[in-house]
Each structure stands twice: as structure tokens, then as C-alpha cells.
N, C-alpha and C. Protein backbone atom coordinates (compact mmCIF):
# COMPACT_ATOMS: atom_id res chain seq x y z
N MET A 1 -15.26 3.09 -8.86
CA MET A 1 -14.70 1.84 -9.27
C MET A 1 -15.46 0.54 -8.90
N SER A 2 -15.49 -0.31 -9.79
CA SER A 2 -16.33 -1.54 -9.46
C SER A 2 -15.52 -2.45 -8.45
N PRO A 3 -16.34 -3.21 -7.82
CA PRO A 3 -15.61 -4.23 -6.89
C PRO A 3 -14.54 -5.13 -7.56
N GLU A 4 -14.94 -5.49 -8.85
CA GLU A 4 -13.97 -6.33 -9.67
C GLU A 4 -12.67 -5.52 -9.84
N GLU A 5 -12.85 -4.26 -10.18
CA GLU A 5 -11.58 -3.48 -10.38
C GLU A 5 -10.81 -3.33 -9.12
N GLU A 6 -11.55 -3.14 -7.98
CA GLU A 6 -10.88 -2.99 -6.71
C GLU A 6 -10.09 -4.26 -6.42
N LEU A 7 -10.63 -5.36 -6.79
CA LEU A 7 -9.98 -6.74 -6.49
C LEU A 7 -8.74 -6.83 -7.38
N GLN A 8 -8.81 -6.48 -8.58
CA GLN A 8 -7.63 -6.37 -9.40
C GLN A 8 -6.52 -5.50 -8.97
N ARG A 9 -6.93 -4.36 -8.53
CA ARG A 9 -5.98 -3.38 -8.00
C ARG A 9 -5.31 -3.96 -6.63
N ALA A 10 -6.21 -4.57 -5.82
CA ALA A 10 -5.58 -5.19 -4.58
C ALA A 10 -4.52 -6.17 -4.96
N ALA A 11 -4.82 -7.00 -5.91
CA ALA A 11 -3.93 -8.08 -6.32
C ALA A 11 -2.63 -7.48 -6.77
N ARG A 12 -2.80 -6.41 -7.64
CA ARG A 12 -1.56 -5.84 -8.03
C ARG A 12 -0.73 -5.18 -7.00
N ALA A 13 -1.42 -4.54 -5.99
CA ALA A 13 -0.65 -4.00 -4.88
C ALA A 13 0.01 -5.07 -4.03
N GLU A 14 -0.58 -6.07 -3.79
CA GLU A 14 -0.04 -7.25 -3.16
C GLU A 14 1.18 -7.83 -3.82
N GLN A 15 1.08 -7.90 -5.19
CA GLN A 15 2.15 -8.40 -6.02
C GLN A 15 3.32 -7.41 -5.93
N ILE A 16 3.04 -6.09 -6.00
CA ILE A 16 4.17 -5.12 -5.99
C ILE A 16 4.80 -5.18 -4.64
N LEU A 17 4.12 -5.19 -3.52
CA LEU A 17 4.65 -5.20 -2.24
C LEU A 17 5.42 -6.51 -1.89
N GLY A 18 5.00 -7.57 -2.61
CA GLY A 18 5.72 -8.86 -2.45
C GLY A 18 6.94 -8.94 -3.36
N ASP A 19 7.08 -8.13 -4.24
CA ASP A 19 8.16 -8.30 -5.21
C ASP A 19 9.56 -8.05 -4.55
N ASP A 20 10.42 -8.89 -4.73
CA ASP A 20 11.79 -8.82 -4.08
C ASP A 20 12.52 -7.59 -4.55
N LEU A 21 12.45 -7.09 -5.84
CA LEU A 21 13.16 -6.05 -6.32
C LEU A 21 12.54 -4.72 -5.66
N PHE A 22 11.24 -4.68 -5.59
CA PHE A 22 10.59 -3.58 -4.93
C PHE A 22 11.01 -3.48 -3.50
N LYS A 23 11.10 -4.67 -2.77
CA LYS A 23 11.45 -4.63 -1.34
C LYS A 23 12.97 -4.17 -1.23
N GLU A 24 13.79 -4.56 -2.13
CA GLU A 24 15.17 -4.26 -2.03
C GLU A 24 15.27 -2.70 -2.27
N ALA A 25 14.69 -2.25 -3.30
CA ALA A 25 14.76 -0.72 -3.60
C ALA A 25 14.26 0.16 -2.39
N PHE A 26 13.13 -0.37 -1.88
CA PHE A 26 12.51 0.29 -0.68
C PHE A 26 13.55 0.39 0.39
N LYS A 27 14.10 -0.80 0.72
CA LYS A 27 15.06 -0.82 1.89
C LYS A 27 16.26 -0.03 1.60
N GLU A 28 16.76 0.04 0.38
CA GLU A 28 17.98 0.89 0.06
C GLU A 28 17.63 2.36 0.31
N ILE A 29 16.48 2.72 -0.26
CA ILE A 29 16.13 4.20 -0.06
C ILE A 29 15.91 4.45 1.36
N GLU A 30 15.22 3.64 2.06
CA GLU A 30 14.94 3.79 3.48
C GLU A 30 16.28 4.02 4.34
N THR A 31 17.14 3.20 4.00
CA THR A 31 18.52 3.08 4.72
C THR A 31 19.17 4.38 4.36
N ALA A 32 19.29 4.84 3.09
CA ALA A 32 19.96 6.07 2.67
C ALA A 32 19.36 7.18 3.37
N LEU A 33 18.09 7.32 3.46
CA LEU A 33 17.38 8.44 4.10
C LEU A 33 17.77 8.51 5.62
N LEU A 34 17.64 7.21 6.23
CA LEU A 34 18.02 7.31 7.72
C LEU A 34 19.47 7.59 7.96
N ARG A 35 20.25 7.17 7.19
CA ARG A 35 21.77 7.44 7.21
C ARG A 35 21.97 8.92 7.00
N GLY A 36 21.30 9.42 6.11
CA GLY A 36 21.34 10.94 5.87
C GLY A 36 20.87 11.76 7.08
N ILE A 37 19.82 11.36 7.66
CA ILE A 37 19.27 12.01 8.85
C ILE A 37 20.27 11.93 10.02
N GLN A 38 20.79 10.65 10.18
CA GLN A 38 21.77 10.46 11.36
C GLN A 38 23.03 11.21 11.07
N GLN A 39 23.52 11.34 9.91
CA GLN A 39 24.79 11.87 9.64
C GLN A 39 24.82 13.39 9.29
N SER A 40 23.56 14.03 9.25
CA SER A 40 23.47 15.37 8.92
C SER A 40 23.99 16.22 10.21
N ALA A 41 24.61 17.28 9.81
CA ALA A 41 25.20 18.25 10.87
C ALA A 41 24.09 18.75 11.78
N PHE A 42 24.34 18.97 13.01
CA PHE A 42 23.40 19.37 14.02
C PHE A 42 22.73 20.68 13.49
N LYS A 43 23.38 21.52 12.90
CA LYS A 43 22.94 22.87 12.48
C LYS A 43 22.19 22.83 11.18
N ASP A 44 22.24 21.73 10.50
CA ASP A 44 21.54 21.67 9.21
C ASP A 44 20.18 21.14 9.34
N ALA A 45 19.33 21.89 9.95
CA ALA A 45 17.90 21.48 10.32
C ALA A 45 17.14 21.37 8.95
N GLU A 46 17.43 22.17 8.03
CA GLU A 46 16.70 22.18 6.69
C GLU A 46 16.88 20.88 5.96
N LEU A 47 18.14 20.37 5.92
CA LEU A 47 18.46 19.13 5.33
C LEU A 47 17.69 18.00 6.01
N ARG A 48 17.80 17.95 7.38
CA ARG A 48 17.11 16.88 8.14
C ARG A 48 15.64 16.88 7.80
N GLU A 49 15.02 18.02 7.82
CA GLU A 49 13.62 18.24 7.57
C GLU A 49 13.24 17.59 6.24
N LYS A 50 13.99 17.95 5.11
CA LYS A 50 13.75 17.42 3.85
C LYS A 50 13.85 15.85 3.90
N LEU A 51 14.85 15.31 4.50
CA LEU A 51 15.00 13.92 4.53
C LEU A 51 13.94 13.26 5.32
N CYS A 52 13.49 13.85 6.34
CA CYS A 52 12.47 13.28 7.07
C CYS A 52 11.15 13.35 6.25
N GLN A 53 10.93 14.31 5.55
CA GLN A 53 9.77 14.43 4.64
C GLN A 53 9.79 13.34 3.59
N GLN A 54 10.97 13.10 3.08
CA GLN A 54 11.12 12.03 2.09
C GLN A 54 10.90 10.74 2.65
N TYR A 55 11.33 10.43 3.88
CA TYR A 55 11.09 9.24 4.62
C TYR A 55 9.67 9.02 4.82
N THR A 56 8.97 10.02 5.25
CA THR A 56 7.56 9.97 5.52
C THR A 56 6.78 9.60 4.19
N LEU A 57 7.18 10.29 3.00
CA LEU A 57 6.57 10.03 1.79
C LEU A 57 6.76 8.56 1.36
N LEU A 58 7.99 8.06 1.56
CA LEU A 58 8.27 6.73 1.21
C LEU A 58 7.41 5.63 1.96
N HIS A 59 7.17 5.97 3.22
CA HIS A 59 6.31 5.05 3.97
C HIS A 59 4.83 5.35 3.65
N SER A 60 4.55 6.54 3.12
CA SER A 60 3.13 6.80 2.66
C SER A 60 2.86 5.89 1.48
N LEU A 61 3.82 5.69 0.59
CA LEU A 61 3.69 4.97 -0.52
C LEU A 61 3.23 3.48 -0.18
N ILE A 62 3.98 2.93 0.77
CA ILE A 62 3.66 1.61 1.26
C ILE A 62 2.24 1.62 1.86
N GLY A 63 1.99 2.64 2.67
CA GLY A 63 0.57 2.74 3.21
C GLY A 63 -0.47 2.75 2.18
N GLN A 64 -0.29 3.42 1.07
CA GLN A 64 -1.24 3.48 0.07
C GLN A 64 -1.52 2.20 -0.62
N PHE A 65 -0.35 1.36 -0.84
CA PHE A 65 -0.58 0.00 -1.39
C PHE A 65 -1.33 -0.82 -0.46
N ARG A 66 -1.12 -0.63 0.83
CA ARG A 66 -1.81 -1.48 1.82
C ARG A 66 -3.30 -1.04 1.82
N THR A 67 -3.58 0.21 1.62
CA THR A 67 -4.96 0.73 1.59
C THR A 67 -5.72 0.02 0.36
N TYR A 68 -4.91 0.00 -0.78
CA TYR A 68 -5.56 -0.74 -1.91
C TYR A 68 -5.91 -2.21 -1.55
N MET A 69 -5.03 -2.80 -0.90
CA MET A 69 -5.26 -4.26 -0.47
C MET A 69 -6.48 -4.34 0.44
N GLU A 70 -6.56 -3.51 1.39
CA GLU A 70 -7.74 -3.46 2.26
C GLU A 70 -9.04 -3.21 1.59
N THR A 71 -8.97 -2.28 0.68
CA THR A 71 -10.05 -1.90 -0.12
C THR A 71 -10.55 -3.17 -1.14
N GLY A 72 -9.59 -3.88 -1.42
CA GLY A 72 -9.86 -5.11 -2.23
C GLY A 72 -10.55 -6.14 -1.40
N LYS A 73 -10.17 -6.28 -0.03
CA LYS A 73 -10.72 -7.11 0.79
C LYS A 73 -12.23 -6.84 1.06
N LEU A 74 -12.53 -5.48 1.19
CA LEU A 74 -13.93 -5.11 1.29
C LEU A 74 -14.79 -5.40 -0.05
N ALA A 75 -14.11 -5.17 -1.17
CA ALA A 75 -14.72 -5.42 -2.50
C ALA A 75 -14.99 -6.94 -2.56
N GLU A 76 -14.12 -7.77 -2.11
CA GLU A 76 -14.38 -9.32 -2.20
C GLU A 76 -15.53 -9.61 -1.28
N ALA A 77 -15.58 -8.98 -0.20
CA ALA A 77 -16.81 -9.18 0.69
C ALA A 77 -18.13 -8.89 0.05
N THR A 78 -18.07 -7.64 -0.63
CA THR A 78 -19.24 -7.12 -1.33
C THR A 78 -19.58 -8.10 -2.43
N LEU A 79 -18.59 -8.59 -3.18
CA LEU A 79 -18.86 -9.66 -4.23
C LEU A 79 -19.56 -10.91 -3.70
N ARG A 80 -19.03 -11.35 -2.56
CA ARG A 80 -19.55 -12.60 -1.98
C ARG A 80 -20.87 -12.42 -1.49
N GLN A 81 -21.18 -11.21 -0.96
CA GLN A 81 -22.52 -10.90 -0.57
C GLN A 81 -23.53 -10.91 -1.64
N LYS A 82 -23.12 -10.32 -2.75
CA LYS A 82 -23.96 -10.23 -3.88
C LYS A 82 -24.23 -11.67 -4.49
N ALA A 83 -23.22 -12.46 -4.50
CA ALA A 83 -23.31 -13.84 -4.96
C ALA A 83 -24.32 -14.56 -4.12
N LEU A 84 -24.15 -14.45 -2.86
CA LEU A 84 -25.02 -15.17 -1.88
C LEU A 84 -26.44 -14.66 -2.10
N GLU A 85 -26.70 -13.46 -2.27
CA GLU A 85 -28.08 -12.86 -2.54
C GLU A 85 -28.61 -13.44 -3.85
N SER A 86 -27.83 -13.55 -4.83
CA SER A 86 -28.24 -14.09 -6.14
C SER A 86 -28.70 -15.55 -6.05
N ILE A 87 -27.84 -16.30 -5.31
CA ILE A 87 -28.20 -17.75 -4.93
C ILE A 87 -29.53 -17.93 -4.20
N LYS A 88 -29.66 -17.02 -3.23
CA LYS A 88 -30.96 -17.01 -2.50
C LYS A 88 -32.16 -16.71 -3.33
N LYS A 89 -31.99 -15.71 -4.21
CA LYS A 89 -33.09 -15.37 -5.19
C LYS A 89 -33.40 -16.60 -6.09
N ALA A 90 -32.35 -17.20 -6.65
CA ALA A 90 -32.43 -18.33 -7.56
C ALA A 90 -33.12 -19.48 -7.02
N VAL A 91 -32.97 -19.76 -5.74
CA VAL A 91 -33.64 -20.80 -5.07
C VAL A 91 -34.81 -20.48 -4.31
N ASN A 92 -35.22 -19.17 -4.41
CA ASN A 92 -36.40 -18.65 -3.66
C ASN A 92 -36.41 -18.85 -2.17
N TRP A 93 -35.25 -18.62 -1.62
CA TRP A 93 -34.99 -18.83 -0.11
C TRP A 93 -35.73 -17.73 0.64
């Protein structure tokens, strides 16, 4: 993927994570999962395990979006470096 595409992806990830509706949906799902874990019967280990896995996956989703944002920052640095090198060549520095 090109640095430009990485930048676009980072911007979309930031937009999604900043979206109020996404935040609300995430919080509702997170709360429901935690409530389910807390309210599950002590002997229902299988249910708790499934809920914990879903909770982990939910947070993995956020982590993936943050990874896209970090990759975008690296792409931005790469593009800046390329621009600087082009300027140096243009002025024979």
C-alpha cells in the first residue's frame, strides 16, 4: 500500500473512532458484555469464556483502528522525507 493510501486509511480510522455514534455503539456493547460476565452464574464458565472472547475482540477492533492511525503517521513521515529529498535535489543542496 502506498504512503498516500496509508494516510487516507489513517484519516478514515480517526474519523470512525471519533464518530459519536460509533463511540456510543462501542460503549453499549462493552457494557453489555461486562454486565453479562458479571451476572453469569459461577458454574457457567463456558458462557463467561465466550463473553470474555467477545470483549477481547471488541477491543481488538479499536486496537486495529489505532494501528491504522499509527501506520498513517509513519506514512506521513515517509512522504515528508521524500518531499525534503526532492527539494534538496531541486536546489542541488
